[in-house]
Amino acid sequence: MTSTTIQVNTDVRDMLKSFGAKGDTYNDIIIDLVKRTRYVEFMRESYAVLDSEDDWVDLDEL
């Protein structure tokens, strides 16, 4: 895999460090943040679908 350099200010670098654990690379931290963001967005969209449906039947009613 090839690497690239992304310039960020020291505040952003420090924030990234705060998300990682000892031994994590910035690449590891960023991948984890992207996965979490995708999961949160998926859940937000899923709940929006559930909230928008009027035809749902509660399992207790079945």
N, C-alpha and C. Protein backbone atom coordinates (compact mmCIF):
# COMPACT_ATOMS: atom_id res chain seq x y z
N MET A 1 0.85 -1.17 0.00
CA MET A 1 0.00 0.00 0.00
C MET A 1 0.90 1.23 0.00
N THR A 2 0.54 2.19 -0.80
CA THR A 2 1.31 3.42 -0.83
C THR A 2 0.78 4.38 0.23
N SER A 3 1.62 5.29 0.63
CA SER A 3 1.24 6.27 1.65
C SER A 3 1.25 7.66 1.05
N THR A 4 0.58 8.56 1.74
CA THR A 4 0.55 9.96 1.35
C THR A 4 0.69 10.80 2.61
N THR A 5 0.95 12.04 2.42
CA THR A 5 1.06 12.96 3.55
C THR A 5 -0.13 13.90 3.53
N ILE A 6 -0.77 14.03 4.67
CA ILE A 6 -1.88 14.96 4.83
C ILE A 6 -1.47 15.95 5.91
N GLN A 7 -1.47 17.20 5.58
CA GLN A 7 -1.06 18.20 6.56
C GLN A 7 -2.27 18.65 7.37
N VAL A 8 -2.11 18.60 8.68
CA VAL A 8 -3.12 19.09 9.61
C VAL A 8 -2.40 19.94 10.65
N ASN A 9 -3.15 20.83 11.28
CA ASN A 9 -2.50 21.63 12.32
C ASN A 9 -2.32 20.79 13.58
N THR A 10 -1.55 21.28 14.50
CA THR A 10 -1.22 20.50 15.69
C THR A 10 -2.44 20.20 16.55
N ASP A 11 -3.43 21.08 16.53
CA ASP A 11 -4.66 20.82 17.30
C ASP A 11 -5.37 19.58 16.77
N VAL A 12 -5.46 19.47 15.45
CA VAL A 12 -6.11 18.31 14.84
C VAL A 12 -5.29 17.05 15.12
N ARG A 13 -3.98 17.16 15.01
CA ARG A 13 -3.12 16.02 15.31
C ARG A 13 -3.35 15.54 16.74
N ASP A 14 -3.44 16.47 17.68
CA ASP A 14 -3.66 16.10 19.07
C ASP A 14 -5.03 15.47 19.28
N MET A 15 -6.04 15.97 18.56
CA MET A 15 -7.37 15.36 18.66
C MET A 15 -7.33 13.93 18.13
N LEU A 16 -6.65 13.72 17.01
CA LEU A 16 -6.52 12.37 16.47
C LEU A 16 -5.84 11.45 17.46
N LYS A 17 -4.77 11.93 18.08
CA LYS A 17 -4.06 11.13 19.07
C LYS A 17 -4.99 10.70 20.20
N SER A 18 -5.91 11.59 20.59
CA SER A 18 -6.80 11.29 21.72
C SER A 18 -7.76 10.15 21.40
N PHE A 19 -7.98 9.86 20.12
CA PHE A 19 -8.87 8.77 19.74
C PHE A 19 -8.15 7.44 19.67
N GLY A 20 -6.84 7.47 19.68
CA GLY A 20 -6.08 6.25 19.51
C GLY A 20 -5.60 5.66 20.82
N ALA A 21 -5.04 4.48 20.71
CA ALA A 21 -4.42 3.80 21.85
C ALA A 21 -2.93 3.69 21.55
N LYS A 22 -2.18 3.31 22.56
CA LYS A 22 -0.75 3.17 22.38
C LYS A 22 -0.47 2.17 21.26
N GLY A 23 0.36 2.58 20.34
CA GLY A 23 0.71 1.72 19.22
C GLY A 23 -0.13 1.93 17.98
N ASP A 24 -1.25 2.66 18.08
CA ASP A 24 -2.08 2.95 16.91
C ASP A 24 -1.39 3.97 16.03
N THR A 25 -1.47 3.74 14.74
CA THR A 25 -0.97 4.73 13.79
C THR A 25 -2.11 5.71 13.50
N TYR A 26 -1.77 6.83 12.88
CA TYR A 26 -2.82 7.76 12.47
C TYR A 26 -3.74 7.07 11.47
N ASN A 27 -3.19 6.21 10.65
CA ASN A 27 -3.99 5.46 9.69
C ASN A 27 -5.03 4.60 10.42
N ASP A 28 -4.61 3.91 11.47
CA ASP A 28 -5.53 3.08 12.27
C ASP A 28 -6.65 3.94 12.86
N ILE A 29 -6.25 5.09 13.41
CA ILE A 29 -7.22 5.98 14.06
C ILE A 29 -8.23 6.50 13.05
N ILE A 30 -7.76 6.92 11.90
CA ILE A 30 -8.66 7.47 10.89
C ILE A 30 -9.61 6.40 10.36
N ILE A 31 -9.10 5.19 10.12
CA ILE A 31 -9.97 4.09 9.67
C ILE A 31 -11.06 3.84 10.70
N ASP A 32 -10.70 3.79 11.98
CA ASP A 32 -11.69 3.56 13.03
C ASP A 32 -12.73 4.67 13.06
N LEU A 33 -12.31 5.92 12.93
CA LEU A 33 -13.25 7.04 12.93
C LEU A 33 -14.19 6.99 11.74
N VAL A 34 -13.67 6.61 10.57
CA VAL A 34 -14.53 6.51 9.38
C VAL A 34 -15.55 5.39 9.57
N LYS A 35 -15.11 4.24 10.08
CA LYS A 35 -16.05 3.14 10.33
C LYS A 35 -17.13 3.53 11.31
N ARG A 36 -16.74 4.20 12.39
CA ARG A 36 -17.73 4.64 13.37
C ARG A 36 -18.72 5.63 12.77
N THR A 37 -18.21 6.55 11.97
CA THR A 37 -19.08 7.54 11.34
C THR A 37 -20.06 6.87 10.39
N ARG A 38 -19.59 5.91 9.62
CA ARG A 38 -20.48 5.18 8.70
C ARG A 38 -21.54 4.42 9.48
N TYR A 39 -21.15 3.81 10.60
CA TYR A 39 -22.11 3.06 11.42
C TYR A 39 -23.17 4.00 12.00
N VAL A 40 -22.73 5.12 12.53
CA VAL A 40 -23.67 6.08 13.11
C VAL A 40 -24.64 6.58 12.04
N GLU A 41 -24.13 6.88 10.85
CA GLU A 41 -25.00 7.34 9.76
C GLU A 41 -25.98 6.24 9.34
N PHE A 42 -25.52 5.00 9.27
CA PHE A 42 -26.40 3.88 8.96
C PHE A 42 -27.52 3.77 9.99
N MET A 43 -27.17 3.87 11.26
CA MET A 43 -28.19 3.77 12.31
C MET A 43 -29.16 4.94 12.24
N ARG A 44 -28.66 6.13 11.97
CA ARG A 44 -29.52 7.31 11.85
C ARG A 44 -30.52 7.12 10.71
N GLU A 45 -30.03 6.62 9.58
CA GLU A 45 -30.92 6.37 8.45
C GLU A 45 -31.93 5.26 8.76
N SER A 46 -31.50 4.23 9.45
CA SER A 46 -32.39 3.13 9.81
C SER A 46 -33.50 3.59 10.72
N TYR A 47 -33.16 4.38 11.72
CA TYR A 47 -34.18 4.90 12.63
C TYR A 47 -35.13 5.86 11.92
N ALA A 48 -34.62 6.59 10.95
CA ALA A 48 -35.48 7.49 10.18
C ALA A 48 -36.52 6.68 9.41
N VAL A 49 -36.12 5.56 8.85
CA VAL A 49 -37.06 4.69 8.13
C VAL A 49 -38.10 4.14 9.10
N LEU A 50 -37.65 3.67 10.24
CA LEU A 50 -38.57 3.12 11.23
C LEU A 50 -39.57 4.17 11.71
N ASP A 51 -39.09 5.39 11.91
CA ASP A 51 -39.96 6.46 12.40
C ASP A 51 -40.94 6.94 11.34
N SER A 52 -40.61 6.73 10.06
CA SER A 52 -41.46 7.27 9.00
C SER A 52 -42.57 6.31 8.57
N GLU A 53 -42.50 5.08 9.00
CA GLU A 53 -43.49 4.10 8.57
C GLU A 53 -44.69 4.10 9.53
N ASP A 54 -45.88 4.27 8.95
CA ASP A 54 -47.11 4.25 9.75
C ASP A 54 -47.72 2.85 9.79
N ASP A 55 -47.31 1.98 8.90
CA ASP A 55 -47.92 0.66 8.77
C ASP A 55 -47.25 -0.41 9.62
N TRP A 56 -46.27 -0.02 10.42
CA TRP A 56 -45.60 -1.01 11.26
C TRP A 56 -46.55 -1.52 12.33
N VAL A 57 -46.43 -2.78 12.65
CA VAL A 57 -47.24 -3.39 13.70
C VAL A 57 -46.31 -3.78 14.84
N ASP A 58 -46.65 -3.37 16.02
CA ASP A 58 -45.85 -3.70 17.19
C ASP A 58 -45.90 -5.21 17.40
N LEU A 59 -44.76 -5.79 17.75
CA LEU A 59 -44.70 -7.23 17.95
C LEU A 59 -45.67 -7.70 19.05
N ASP A 60 -45.90 -6.87 20.05
CA ASP A 60 -46.84 -7.22 21.12
C ASP A 60 -48.27 -7.32 20.60
N GLU A 61 -48.57 -6.61 19.51
CA GLU A 61 -49.90 -6.66 18.93
C GLU A 61 -50.13 -7.91 18.09
N LEU A 62 -49.06 -8.56 17.67
CA LEU A 62 -49.21 -9.76 16.87
C LEU A 62 -49.64 -10.87 17.76
